[in-house]
Amino acid sequence: MAGTGVGIPKKIVTNFDLEKMVDTTDEWIRTRTGIETRYIVEEGQNTSDLGTEAALNALKDANVSPKDVDVIIFATITGDVGFPSTAIFVQKNIEAFNASAFDIQAACTGFLYGMELADALICTGRAKTILLIGGETLSRITDFTDRNTCVLFGDGAGAAVLQPSDDDRGVLATFTKSDGRLYELLKMDGMGTKNPPTSRQYTEKMQYIQMEGRDVFKHAVTCMGDAAELILEKANLTYDDVDLLITHQANIRIIDATAKRIKIPADKVYINVHKYGNTSAASIPIAIDEARKTGRLQSDDVAVLVAFGGGFTWGSAAVRF
């Protein structure tokens, strides 16, 4: 992981702002989610704009020119348009015209799905420099009249430049899995060919995120706990080898329950959900970049990354920085 970067909107929405929109309070939100603020895009700002900013920051951090990028992978559920991919717009914006560019869609686990794919491409010699991005504008698919969901989500993007390593640093192991039987628990039924954009779609609010919170919590903790244990086994590591656990920043209760399940002490758990809310595929790369640049991740530290998302999807990775 040669470099990282983020793209964060300037507009901040606080819990007190949400108090004016729905029947909720700052205390209720903080107690149940740990979230205090979230960043929201302005009108005219799109997922590709955030991804472009994150990509340029990551390339600068890695001292890599856009023309040297072989592959651009963009993990998102909130692409700019139906097609082409959002990665195509990023390629155009950063002028990385020697790269292939495409999106993947695995909800909040998208960045880890992308990392597994990038690792395979590099290890098989198919690519030398991969730009991996996770970015979302979830505010565009959030129902701001539903207090159970509108308090959770934010917008943002994070990116990483992945290259072959000459030493033992880098991606040590990856794992991904999915179970389509659970798709009803966390979904958005609209904006696809199953329910095209008709008046019925908008009447039934199909264009918004729908979630069964209690069931999501139960499965998320189980899936992420299992994924963390499995990745340690795959990487031949123990819990004592882990310097930092970075989970998908869904809400504080899920993060705490996952850490307790796998017996990782609180001082080894990275948390920034209070600042950004749930940014789906962007949450892990944003956390990685922040942890690196605030000193929470040092050279040779081992981090376990773990996420879950709609589908259900889930996954993990072990990385030596």
C-alpha atoms as a PDB file:
ATOM      1  CA  MET A   1       0.000   0.000   0.000  1.00  0.00           C
ATOM      2  CA  ALA A   2       2.191   2.765  -1.372  1.00  0.00           C
ATOM      3  CA  GLY A   3      -0.107   5.684  -0.615  1.00  0.00           C
ATOM      4  CA  THR A   4      -3.554   6.675   0.613  1.00  0.00           C
ATOM      5  CA  GLY A   5      -5.841   9.682   0.328  1.00  0.00           C
ATOM      6  CA  VAL A   6      -9.368  10.881   0.966  1.00  0.00           C
ATOM      7  CA  GLY A   7     -12.002  13.127  -0.573  1.00  0.00           C
ATOM      8  CA  ILE A   8     -14.430  14.581   1.962  1.00  0.00           C
ATOM      9  CA  PRO A   9     -17.261  17.058   1.260  1.00  0.00           C
ATOM     10  CA  LYS A  10     -17.077  20.412   3.010  1.00  0.00           C
ATOM     11  CA  LYS A  11     -20.676  20.480   4.284  1.00  0.00           C
ATOM     12  CA  ILE A  12     -21.097  19.112   7.816  1.00  0.00           C
ATOM     13  CA  VAL A  13     -24.481  17.948   9.108  1.00  0.00           C
ATOM     14  CA  THR A  14     -24.654  17.661  12.895  1.00  0.00           C
ATOM     15  CA  ASN A  15     -27.089  15.748  15.042  1.00  0.00           C
ATOM     16  CA  PHE A  16     -28.594  19.100  16.007  1.00  0.00           C
ATOM     17  CA  ASP A  17     -29.282  19.778  12.333  1.00  0.00           C
ATOM     18  CA  LEU A  18     -31.135  16.459  12.135  1.00  0.00           C
ATOM     19  CA  GLU A  19     -33.191  17.384  15.201  1.00  0.00           C
ATOM     20  CA  LYS A  20     -34.804  20.053  13.005  1.00  0.00           C
ATOM     21  CA  MET A  21     -35.662  17.525  10.286  1.00  0.00           C
ATOM     22  CA  VAL A  22     -36.969  14.429  12.103  1.00  0.00           C
ATOM     23  CA  ASP A  23     -38.172  13.380  15.550  1.00  0.00           C
ATOM     24  CA  THR A  24     -34.779  12.679  17.118  1.00  0.00           C
ATOM     25  CA  THR A  25     -32.217  14.157  19.513  1.00  0.00           C
ATOM     26  CA  ASP A  26     -28.452  14.431  19.649  1.00  0.00           C
ATOM     27  CA  GLU A  27     -28.416  12.221  22.749  1.00  0.00           C
ATOM     28  CA  TRP A  28     -30.554   9.532  21.068  1.00  0.00           C
ATOM     29  CA  ILE A  29     -28.279   9.421  18.025  1.00  0.00           C
ATOM     30  CA  ARG A  30     -25.005   9.412  19.982  1.00  0.00           C
ATOM     31  CA  THR A  31     -26.200   6.760  22.440  1.00  0.00           C
ATOM     32  CA  ARG A  32     -27.383   4.352  19.748  1.00  0.00           C
ATOM     33  CA  THR A  33     -24.869   4.994  16.973  1.00  0.00           C
ATOM     34  CA  GLY A  34     -21.904   6.942  18.310  1.00  0.00           C
ATOM     35  CA  ILE A  35     -22.322   9.382  15.423  1.00  0.00           C
ATOM     36  CA  GLU A  36     -22.037  13.130  16.043  1.00  0.00           C
ATOM     37  CA  THR A  37     -21.495  14.550  12.549  1.00  0.00           C
ATOM     38  CA  ARG A  38     -21.452  13.435   8.939  1.00  0.00           C
ATOM     39  CA  TYR A  39     -20.309  15.101   5.704  1.00  0.00           C
ATOM     40  CA  ILE A  40     -22.779  15.671   2.857  1.00  0.00           C
ATOM     41  CA  VAL A  41     -22.132  16.655  -0.759  1.00  0.00           C
ATOM     42  CA  GLU A  42     -23.386  19.923  -2.169  1.00  0.00           C
ATOM     43  CA  GLU A  43     -25.731  20.068  -5.152  1.00  0.00           C
ATOM     44  CA  GLY A  44     -23.787  19.234  -8.300  1.00  0.00           C
ATOM     45  CA  GLN A  45     -21.086  17.288  -6.440  1.00  0.00           C
ATOM     46  CA  ASN A  46     -20.970  13.597  -7.337  1.00  0.00           C
ATOM     47  CA  THR A  47     -19.340  10.362  -6.226  1.00  0.00           C
ATOM     48  CA  SER A  48     -16.710  10.676  -8.957  1.00  0.00           C
ATOM     49  CA  ASP A  49     -15.728  14.116  -7.650  1.00  0.00           C
ATOM     50  CA  LEU A  50     -14.997  12.692  -4.205  1.00  0.00           C
ATOM     51  CA  GLY A  51     -13.234   9.711  -5.772  1.00  0.00           C
ATOM     52  CA  THR A  52     -11.106  11.979  -7.940  1.00  0.00           C
ATOM     53  CA  GLU A  53      -9.966  14.000  -4.932  1.00  0.00           C
ATOM     54  CA  ALA A  54      -9.142  10.840  -2.988  1.00  0.00           C
ATOM     55  CA  ALA A  55      -7.308   9.360  -5.984  1.00  0.00           C
ATOM     56  CA  LEU A  56      -5.145  12.431  -6.551  1.00  0.00           C
ATOM     57  CA  ASN A  57      -4.270  12.598  -2.850  1.00  0.00           C
ATOM     58  CA  ALA A  58      -3.348   8.902  -2.795  1.00  0.00           C
ATOM     59  CA  LEU A  59      -1.203   9.207  -5.936  1.00  0.00           C
ATOM     60  CA  LYS A  60       0.587  12.214  -4.462  1.00  0.00           C
ATOM     61  CA  ASP A  61       1.164  10.316  -1.212  1.00  0.00           C
ATOM     62  CA  ALA A  62       2.626   7.407  -3.186  1.00  0.00           C
ATOM     63  CA  ASN A  63       4.624   9.675  -5.522  1.00  0.00           C
ATOM     64  CA  VAL A  64       3.003   7.943  -8.494  1.00  0.00           C
ATOM     65  CA  SER A  65       1.953   9.605 -11.746  1.00  0.00           C
ATOM     66  CA  PRO A  66      -1.565   8.916 -13.080  1.00  0.00           C
ATOM     67  CA  LYS A  67      -0.009   7.722 -16.348  1.00  0.00           C
ATOM     68  CA  ASP A  68       1.655   4.864 -14.433  1.00  0.00           C
ATOM     69  CA  VAL A  69      -1.642   3.453 -13.121  1.00  0.00           C
ATOM     70  CA  ASP A  70      -2.539   0.106 -14.729  1.00  0.00           C
ATOM     71  CA  VAL A  71      -5.988  -0.461 -13.202  1.00  0.00           C
ATOM     72  CA  ILE A  72      -8.586   1.717 -11.478  1.00  0.00           C
ATOM     73  CA  ILE A  73     -11.111  -0.130  -9.308  1.00  0.00           C
ATOM     74  CA  PHE A  74     -13.956   1.911  -7.813  1.00  0.00           C
ATOM     75  CA  ALA A  75     -16.135   0.315  -5.119  1.00  0.00           C
ATOM     76  CA  THR A  76     -19.483   2.097  -4.820  1.00  0.00           C
ATOM     77  CA  ILE A  77     -23.256   1.650  -4.633  1.00  0.00           C
ATOM     78  CA  THR A  78     -23.870   5.284  -5.575  1.00  0.00           C
ATOM     79  CA  GLY A  79     -22.354   5.655  -9.013  1.00  0.00           C
ATOM     80  CA  ASP A  80     -22.772   8.914 -10.899  1.00  0.00           C
ATOM     81  CA  VAL A  81     -24.941   7.345 -13.626  1.00  0.00           C
ATOM     82  CA  GLY A  82     -26.341   3.953 -14.642  1.00  0.00           C
ATOM     83  CA  PHE A  83     -23.434   3.588 -17.029  1.00  0.00           C
ATOM     84  CA  PRO A  84     -20.565   4.054 -17.707  1.00  0.00           C
ATOM     85  CA  SER A  85     -18.762   3.233 -14.497  1.00  0.00           C
ATOM     86  CA  THR A  86     -17.765   5.881 -11.995  1.00  0.00           C
ATOM     87  CA  ALA A  87     -14.174   4.693 -12.379  1.00  0.00           C
ATOM     88  CA  ILE A  88     -14.307   5.909 -15.980  1.00  0.00           C
ATOM     89  CA  PHE A  89     -15.030   9.460 -14.807  1.00  0.00           C
ATOM     90  CA  VAL A  90     -12.149   9.300 -12.335  1.00  0.00           C
ATOM     91  CA  GLN A  91      -9.845   8.046 -15.091  1.00  0.00           C
ATOM     92  CA  LYS A  92     -10.865  11.003 -17.247  1.00  0.00           C
ATOM     93  CA  ASN A  93     -10.473  13.497 -14.409  1.00  0.00           C
ATOM     94  CA  ILE A  94      -6.971  12.369 -13.407  1.00  0.00           C
ATOM     95  CA  GLU A  95      -5.893  11.580 -17.006  1.00  0.00           C
ATOM     96  CA  ALA A  96      -4.864   7.998 -16.229  1.00  0.00           C
ATOM     97  CA  PHE A  97      -5.380   6.909 -19.823  1.00  0.00           C
ATOM     98  CA  ASN A  98      -3.050   3.894 -19.659  1.00  0.00           C
ATOM     99  CA  ALA A  99      -5.350   2.217 -17.138  1.00  0.00           C
ATOM    100  CA  SER A 100      -8.378  -0.009 -17.410  1.00  0.00           C
ATOM    101  CA  ALA A 101     -11.175   1.283 -15.186  1.00  0.00           C
ATOM    102  CA  PHE A 102     -14.266  -0.364 -13.734  1.00  0.00           C
ATOM    103  CA  ASP A 103     -16.603  -0.410 -10.724  1.00  0.00           C
ATOM    104  CA  ILE A 104     -17.432  -3.168  -8.278  1.00  0.00           C
ATOM    105  CA  GLN A 105     -20.562  -3.258  -6.131  1.00  0.00           C
ATOM    106  CA  ALA A 106     -20.404  -5.057  -2.796  1.00  0.00           C
ATOM    107  CA  ALA A 107     -21.948  -2.345  -0.608  1.00  0.00           C
ATOM    108  CA  CYS A 108     -19.977  -1.599   2.557  1.00  0.00           C
ATOM    109  CA  THR A 109     -17.575  -4.493   1.898  1.00  0.00           C
ATOM    110  CA  GLY A 110     -16.697  -3.114  -1.535  1.00  0.00           C
ATOM    111  CA  PHE A 111     -13.227  -1.835  -0.668  1.00  0.00           C
ATOM    112  CA  LEU A 112     -12.186  -5.247   0.679  1.00  0.00           C
ATOM    113  CA  TYR A 113     -13.593  -6.996  -2.392  1.00  0.00           C
ATOM    114  CA  GLY A 114     -11.521  -4.582  -4.446  1.00  0.00           C
ATOM    115  CA  MET A 115      -8.438  -5.243  -2.343  1.00  0.00           C
ATOM    116  CA  GLU A 116      -8.761  -8.983  -2.896  1.00  0.00           C
ATOM    117  CA  LEU A 117      -9.036  -8.442  -6.648  1.00  0.00           C
ATOM    118  CA  ALA A 118      -6.141  -5.961  -6.715  1.00  0.00           C
ATOM    119  CA  ASP A 119      -3.945  -8.330  -4.713  1.00  0.00           C
ATOM    120  CA  ALA A 120      -4.677 -11.144  -7.173  1.00  0.00           C
ATOM    121  CA  LEU A 121      -3.874  -8.945 -10.188  1.00  0.00           C
ATOM    122  CA  ILE A 122      -0.568  -7.857  -8.676  1.00  0.00           C
ATOM    123  CA  CYS A 123       0.459 -11.314  -7.449  1.00  0.00           C
ATOM    124  CA  THR A 124      -0.191 -12.845 -10.888  1.00  0.00           C
ATOM    125  CA  GLY A 125       1.763 -10.107 -12.650  1.00  0.00           C
ATOM    126  CA  ARG A 126      -1.263  -8.714 -14.482  1.00  0.00           C
ATOM    127  CA  ALA A 127      -0.752  -5.240 -13.006  1.00  0.00           C
ATOM    128  CA  LYS A 128       1.942  -3.302 -11.173  1.00  0.00           C
ATOM    129  CA  THR A 129       0.101  -0.201 -10.000  1.00  0.00           C
ATOM    130  CA  ILE A 130      -3.555  -0.305  -8.992  1.00  0.00           C
ATOM    131  CA  LEU A 131      -5.642   2.613  -7.805  1.00  0.00           C
ATOM    132  CA  LEU A 132      -8.342   1.270  -5.483  1.00  0.00           C
ATOM    133  CA  ILE A 133     -11.127   3.656  -4.477  1.00  0.00           C
ATOM    134  CA  GLY A 134     -14.143   3.359  -2.204  1.00  0.00           C
ATOM    135  CA  GLY A 135     -16.561   6.251  -2.484  1.00  0.00           C
ATOM    136  CA  GLU A 136     -20.192   7.072  -1.812  1.00  0.00           C
ATOM    137  CA  THR A 137     -22.773   9.841  -1.848  1.00  0.00           C
ATOM    138  CA  LEU A 138     -25.235   8.037   0.396  1.00  0.00           C
ATOM    139  CA  SER A 139     -27.111  11.263   1.084  1.00  0.00           C
ATOM    140  CA  ARG A 140     -28.594  10.854  -2.402  1.00  0.00           C
ATOM    141  CA  ILE A 141     -30.265   7.556  -1.435  1.00  0.00           C
ATOM    142  CA  THR A 142     -31.151   8.422   2.168  1.00  0.00           C
ATOM    143  CA  ASP A 143     -34.720   9.204   3.241  1.00  0.00           C
ATOM    144  CA  PHE A 144     -34.388  12.291   5.430  1.00  0.00           C
ATOM    145  CA  THR A 145     -37.885  11.726   6.810  1.00  0.00           C
ATOM    146  CA  ASP A 146     -36.897   8.333   8.290  1.00  0.00           C
ATOM    147  CA  ARG A 147     -35.178   8.872  11.624  1.00  0.00           C
ATOM    148  CA  ASN A 148     -33.947   5.280  11.780  1.00  0.00           C
ATOM    149  CA  THR A 149     -31.737   5.626   8.703  1.00  0.00           C
ATOM    150  CA  CYS A 150     -31.084   9.318   8.052  1.00  0.00           C
ATOM    151  CA  VAL A 151     -28.970   9.641  11.201  1.00  0.00           C
ATOM    152  CA  LEU A 152     -26.549   6.947  10.041  1.00  0.00           C
ATOM    153  CA  PHE A 153     -25.127   7.817   6.653  1.00  0.00           C
ATOM    154  CA  GLY A 154     -22.576  10.235   5.254  1.00  0.00           C
ATOM    155  CA  ASP A 155     -20.653  10.914   2.056  1.00  0.00           C
ATOM    156  CA  GLY A 156     -16.951  10.543   1.315  1.00  0.00           C
ATOM    157  CA  ALA A 157     -14.240   8.668  -0.545  1.00  0.00           C
ATOM    158  CA  GLY A 158     -10.945   7.001   0.255  1.00  0.00           C
ATOM    159  CA  ALA A 159      -8.281   5.620  -2.054  1.00  0.00           C
ATOM    160  CA  ALA A 160      -5.138   3.518  -1.922  1.00  0.00           C
ATOM    161  CA  VAL A 161      -2.320   2.903  -4.391  1.00  0.00           C
ATOM    162  CA  LEU A 162      -1.314  -0.760  -4.391  1.00  0.00           C
ATOM    163  CA  GLN A 163       2.005  -1.969  -5.825  1.00  0.00           C
ATOM    164  CA  PRO A 164       4.230  -5.059  -5.504  1.00  0.00           C
ATOM    165  CA  SER A 165       6.356  -5.150  -2.347  1.00  0.00           C
ATOM    166  CA  ASP A 166       9.986  -6.244  -2.089  1.00  0.00           C
ATOM    167  CA  ASP A 167       9.677  -7.085   1.616  1.00  0.00           C
ATOM    168  CA  ASP A 168       7.087  -8.569   3.976  1.00  0.00           C
ATOM    169  CA  ARG A 169       4.956  -5.433   4.032  1.00  0.00           C
ATOM    170  CA  GLY A 170       1.678  -5.291   2.156  1.00  0.00           C
ATOM    171  CA  VAL A 171      -1.434  -7.429   1.887  1.00  0.00           C
ATOM    172  CA  LEU A 172      -0.836 -10.627   3.864  1.00  0.00           C
ATOM    173  CA  ALA A 173      -4.206 -12.292   3.249  1.00  0.00           C
ATOM    174  CA  THR A 174      -7.737 -11.494   2.085  1.00  0.00           C
ATOM    175  CA  PHE A 175     -11.147 -13.093   2.486  1.00  0.00           C
ATOM    176  CA  THR A 176     -14.579 -12.308   1.044  1.00  0.00           C
ATOM    177  CA  LYS A 177     -17.949 -14.008   1.230  1.00  0.00           C
ATOM    178  CA  SER A 178     -21.622 -13.324   0.542  1.00  0.00           C
ATOM    179  CA  ASP A 179     -25.065 -14.759   1.264  1.00  0.00           C
ATOM    180  CA  GLY A 180     -27.900 -13.635  -1.005  1.00  0.00           C
ATOM    181  CA  ARG A 181     -30.507 -15.158   1.300  1.00  0.00           C
ATOM    182  CA  LEU A 182     -30.084 -12.103   3.550  1.00  0.00           C
ATOM    183  CA  TYR A 183     -30.553  -9.412   0.925  1.00  0.00           C
ATOM    184  CA  GLU A 184     -33.913  -8.245   2.338  1.00  0.00           C
ATOM    185  CA  LEU A 185     -32.223  -7.004   5.524  1.00  0.00           C
ATOM    186  CA  LEU A 186     -30.329  -4.157   3.859  1.00  0.00           C
ATOM    187  CA  LYS A 187     -31.236  -3.010   0.369  1.00  0.00           C
ATOM    188  CA  MET A 188     -32.431  -0.366  -2.053  1.00  0.00           C
ATOM    189  CA  ASP A 189     -35.093  -1.828  -4.344  1.00  0.00           C
ATOM    190  CA  GLY A 190     -35.302   1.061  -6.783  1.00  0.00           C
ATOM    191  CA  MET A 191     -33.075   2.559  -9.484  1.00  0.00           C
ATOM    192  CA  GLY A 192     -32.581  -0.756 -11.278  1.00  0.00           C
ATOM    193  CA  THR A 193     -34.373  -2.708 -14.000  1.00  0.00           C
ATOM    194  CA  LYS A 194     -36.485  -4.655 -11.502  1.00  0.00           C
ATOM    195  CA  ASN A 195     -38.243  -1.473 -10.411  1.00  0.00           C
ATOM    196  CA  PRO A 196     -37.628   1.186 -13.077  1.00  0.00           C
ATOM    197  CA  PRO A 197     -38.162   4.876 -12.273  1.00  0.00           C
ATOM    198  CA  THR A 198     -41.955   5.152 -12.273  1.00  0.00           C
ATOM    199  CA  SER A 199     -44.313   6.958  -9.927  1.00  0.00           C
ATOM    200  CA  ARG A 200     -44.719   3.704  -7.951  1.00  0.00           C
ATOM    201  CA  GLN A 201     -41.013   3.620  -7.173  1.00  0.00           C
ATOM    202  CA  TYR A 202     -41.145   7.078  -5.630  1.00  0.00           C
ATOM    203  CA  THR A 203     -44.479   6.522  -3.869  1.00  0.00           C
ATOM    204  CA  GLU A 204     -43.062   3.425  -2.157  1.00  0.00           C
ATOM    205  CA  LYS A 205     -39.678   5.124  -1.551  1.00  0.00           C
ATOM    206  CA  MET A 206     -37.772   2.416  -3.393  1.00  0.00           C
ATOM    207  CA  GLN A 207     -34.994   4.885  -4.202  1.00  0.00           C
ATOM    208  CA  TYR A 208     -33.918   4.969  -0.551  1.00  0.00           C
ATOM    209  CA  ILE A 209     -31.915   2.646   1.685  1.00  0.00           C
ATOM    210  CA  GLN A 210     -34.120   0.198   3.602  1.00  0.00           C
ATOM    211  CA  MET A 211     -32.765  -1.614   6.634  1.00  0.00           C
ATOM    212  CA  GLU A 212     -33.863  -4.081   9.314  1.00  0.00           C
ATOM    213  CA  GLY A 213     -31.609  -2.699  12.024  1.00  0.00           C
ATOM    214  CA  ARG A 214     -31.766  -5.427  14.669  1.00  0.00           C
ATOM    215  CA  ASP A 215     -31.200  -8.271  12.228  1.00  0.00           C
ATOM    216  CA  VAL A 216     -28.388  -6.361  10.532  1.00  0.00           C
ATOM    217  CA  PHE A 217     -26.677  -5.884  13.899  1.00  0.00           C
ATOM    218  CA  LYS A 218     -26.824  -9.585  14.741  1.00  0.00           C
ATOM    219  CA  HIS A 219     -25.497 -10.783  11.403  1.00  0.00           C
ATOM    220  CA  ALA A 220     -22.894  -8.020  11.146  1.00  0.00           C
ATOM    221  CA  VAL A 221     -21.233  -8.904  14.438  1.00  0.00           C
ATOM    222  CA  THR A 222     -21.233 -12.622  13.619  1.00  0.00           C
ATOM    223  CA  CYS A 223     -19.942 -12.159  10.067  1.00  0.00           C
ATOM    224  CA  MET A 224     -17.216  -9.671  10.962  1.00  0.00           C
ATOM    225  CA  GLY A 225     -16.116 -11.691  13.963  1.00  0.00           C
ATOM    226  CA  ASP A 226     -15.839 -14.853  11.880  1.00  0.00           C
ATOM    227  CA  ALA A 227     -14.023 -12.970   9.104  1.00  0.00           C
ATOM    228  CA  ALA A 228     -11.480 -11.529  11.537  1.00  0.00           C
ATOM    229  CA  GLU A 229     -10.738 -14.935  13.047  1.00  0.00           C
ATOM    230  CA  LEU A 230     -10.415 -16.522   9.616  1.00  0.00           C
ATOM    231  CA  ILE A 231      -8.018 -13.873   8.292  1.00  0.00           C
ATOM    232  CA  LEU A 232      -5.699 -14.309  11.257  1.00  0.00           C
ATOM    233  CA  GLU A 233      -5.566 -18.017  10.506  1.00  0.00           C
ATOM    234  CA  LYS A 234      -4.936 -17.413   6.791  1.00  0.00           C
ATOM    235  CA  ALA A 235      -2.145 -14.929   7.555  1.00  0.00           C
ATOM    236  CA  ASN A 236      -0.660 -17.148  10.285  1.00  0.00           C
ATOM    237  CA  LEU A 237      -1.134 -14.422  12.887  1.00  0.00           C
ATOM    238  CA  THR A 238      -2.385 -14.313  16.469  1.00  0.00           C
ATOM    239  CA  TYR A 239      -4.430 -11.640  18.205  1.00  0.00           C
ATOM    240  CA  ASP A 240      -1.228 -10.410  19.855  1.00  0.00           C
ATOM    241  CA  ASP A 241       0.236  -9.690  16.413  1.00  0.00           C
ATOM    242  CA  VAL A 242      -2.550  -7.231  15.598  1.00  0.00           C
ATOM    243  CA  ASP A 243      -1.645  -3.582  16.148  1.00  0.00           C
ATOM    244  CA  LEU A 244      -4.928  -2.117  14.939  1.00  0.00           C
ATOM    245  CA  LEU A 245      -8.410  -3.376  14.102  1.00  0.00           C
ATOM    246  CA  ILE A 246     -10.192  -1.275  11.486  1.00  0.00           C
ATOM    247  CA  THR A 247     -13.803  -2.297  11.016  1.00  0.00           C
ATOM    248  CA  HIS A 248     -16.410  -0.868   8.689  1.00  0.00           C
ATOM    249  CA  GLN A 249     -17.626   2.201  10.557  1.00  0.00           C
ATOM    250  CA  ALA A 250     -21.327   1.326  10.677  1.00  0.00           C
ATOM    251  CA  ASN A 251     -22.124   2.364  14.234  1.00  0.00           C
ATOM    252  CA  ILE A 252     -20.349   2.232  17.570  1.00  0.00           C
ATOM    253  CA  ARG A 253     -22.394  -0.675  18.929  1.00  0.00           C
ATOM    254  CA  ILE A 254     -21.466  -2.956  16.033  1.00  0.00           C
ATOM    255  CA  ILE A 255     -17.798  -1.930  16.267  1.00  0.00           C
ATOM    256  CA  ASP A 256     -17.652  -2.527  20.031  1.00  0.00           C
ATOM    257  CA  ALA A 257     -19.514  -5.850  19.840  1.00  0.00           C
ATOM    258  CA  THR A 258     -17.224  -7.127  17.072  1.00  0.00           C
ATOM    259  CA  ALA A 259     -14.079  -6.170  18.988  1.00  0.00           C
ATOM    260  CA  LYS A 260     -15.357  -7.871  22.142  1.00  0.00           C
ATOM    261  CA  ARG A 261     -16.318 -11.000  20.220  1.00  0.00           C
ATOM    262  CA  ILE A 262     -12.759 -11.452  18.946  1.00  0.00           C
ATOM    263  CA  LYS A 263     -11.173 -10.179  22.180  1.00  0.00           C
ATOM    264  CA  ILE A 264      -9.353  -7.174  20.705  1.00  0.00           C
ATOM    265  CA  PRO A 265      -8.798  -4.517  23.417  1.00  0.00           C
ATOM    266  CA  ALA A 266     -10.378  -1.110  22.928  1.00  0.00           C
ATOM    267  CA  ASP A 267      -7.020   0.655  22.524  1.00  0.00           C
ATOM    268  CA  LYS A 268      -6.380  -1.418  19.385  1.00  0.00           C
ATOM    269  CA  VAL A 269      -9.708  -0.546  17.739  1.00  0.00           C
ATOM    270  CA  TYR A 270      -9.821   2.408  15.350  1.00  0.00           C
ATOM    271  CA  ILE A 271     -12.990   4.484  15.523  1.00  0.00           C
ATOM    272  CA  ASN A 272     -13.958   7.540  13.494  1.00  0.00           C
ATOM    273  CA  VAL A 273     -17.671   6.856  12.998  1.00  0.00           C
ATOM    274  CA  HIS A 274     -18.400   9.828  15.253  1.00  0.00           C
ATOM    275  CA  LYS A 275     -16.966  12.168  12.596  1.00  0.00           C
ATOM    276  CA  TYR A 276     -18.132  10.644   9.314  1.00  0.00           C
ATOM    277  CA  GLY A 277     -21.067   8.344  10.035  1.00  0.00           C
ATOM    278  CA  ASN A 278     -21.478   5.267   7.856  1.00  0.00           C
ATOM    279  CA  THR A 279     -19.861   5.967   4.476  1.00  0.00           C
ATOM    280  CA  SER A 280     -20.271   2.404   3.144  1.00  0.00           C
ATOM    281  CA  ALA A 281     -17.401   1.431   0.815  1.00  0.00           C
ATOM    282  CA  ALA A 282     -15.501   4.586   1.774  1.00  0.00           C
ATOM    283  CA  SER A 283     -15.338   3.910   5.504  1.00  0.00           C
ATOM    284  CA  ILE A 284     -12.333   1.575   5.600  1.00  0.00           C
ATOM    285  CA  PRO A 285     -10.068   3.560   3.235  1.00  0.00           C
ATOM    286  CA  ILE A 286     -10.951   6.794   5.046  1.00  0.00           C
ATOM    287  CA  ALA A 287     -10.041   5.137   8.358  1.00  0.00           C
ATOM    288  CA  ILE A 288      -6.781   3.736   6.937  1.00  0.00           C
ATOM    289  CA  ASP A 289      -5.694   7.137   5.644  1.00  0.00           C
ATOM    290  CA  GLU A 290      -6.599   8.874   8.891  1.00  0.00           C
ATOM    291  CA  ALA A 291      -4.865   6.215  10.999  1.00  0.00           C
ATOM    292  CA  ARG A 292      -1.683   6.473   8.914  1.00  0.00           C
ATOM    293  CA  LYS A 293      -1.565  10.248   8.991  1.00  0.00           C
ATOM    294  CA  THR A 294      -2.331  10.596  12.703  1.00  0.00           C
ATOM    295  CA  GLY A 295       0.279   8.033  13.724  1.00  0.00           C
ATOM    296  CA  ARG A 296      -2.098   5.271  14.786  1.00  0.00           C
ATOM    297  CA  LEU A 297      -0.604   3.098  12.039  1.00  0.00           C
ATOM    298  CA  GLN A 298       3.186   3.009  11.982  1.00  0.00           C
ATOM    299  CA  SER A 299       5.589   1.293   9.613  1.00  0.00           C
ATOM    300  CA  ASP A 300       5.532  -2.508  10.125  1.00  0.00           C
ATOM    301  CA  ASP A 301       2.248  -2.382  12.053  1.00  0.00           C
ATOM    302  CA  VAL A 302      -0.237  -5.138  11.267  1.00  0.00           C
ATOM    303  CA  ALA A 303      -3.845  -4.081  10.750  1.00  0.00           C
ATOM    304  CA  VAL A 304      -6.866  -6.336  10.410  1.00  0.00           C
ATOM    305  CA  LEU A 305      -9.551  -4.830   8.192  1.00  0.00           C
ATOM    306  CA  VAL A 306     -13.070  -6.215   8.412  1.00  0.00           C
ATOM    307  CA  ALA A 307     -16.404  -5.183   6.896  1.00  0.00           C
ATOM    308  CA  PHE A 308     -19.967  -6.264   6.187  1.00  0.00           C
ATOM    309  CA  GLY A 309     -22.591  -4.839   3.863  1.00  0.00           C
ATOM    310  CA  GLY A 310     -25.834  -5.314   2.013  1.00  0.00           C
ATOM    311  CA  GLY A 311     -26.198  -8.576   0.180  1.00  0.00           C
ATOM    312  CA  PHE A 312     -25.122  -9.764   2.693  1.00  0.00           C
ATOM    313  CA  THR A 313     -21.463  -9.361   1.873  1.00  0.00           C
ATOM    314  CA  TRP A 314     -18.576  -9.519   4.294  1.00  0.00           C
ATOM    315  CA  GLY A 315     -14.822  -9.825   4.235  1.00  0.00           C
ATOM    316  CA  SER A 316     -11.484  -9.138   5.856  1.00  0.00           C
ATOM    317  CA  ALA A 317      -7.845  -8.486   5.119  1.00  0.00           C
ATOM    318  CA  ALA A 318      -4.585  -8.520   7.036  1.00  0.00           C
ATOM    319  CA  VAL A 319      -2.110  -5.836   5.982  1.00  0.00           C
ATOM    320  CA  ARG A 320       1.393  -5.021   7.177  1.00  0.00           C
ATOM    321  CA  PHE A 321       2.032  -1.305   6.697  1.00  0.00           C
END
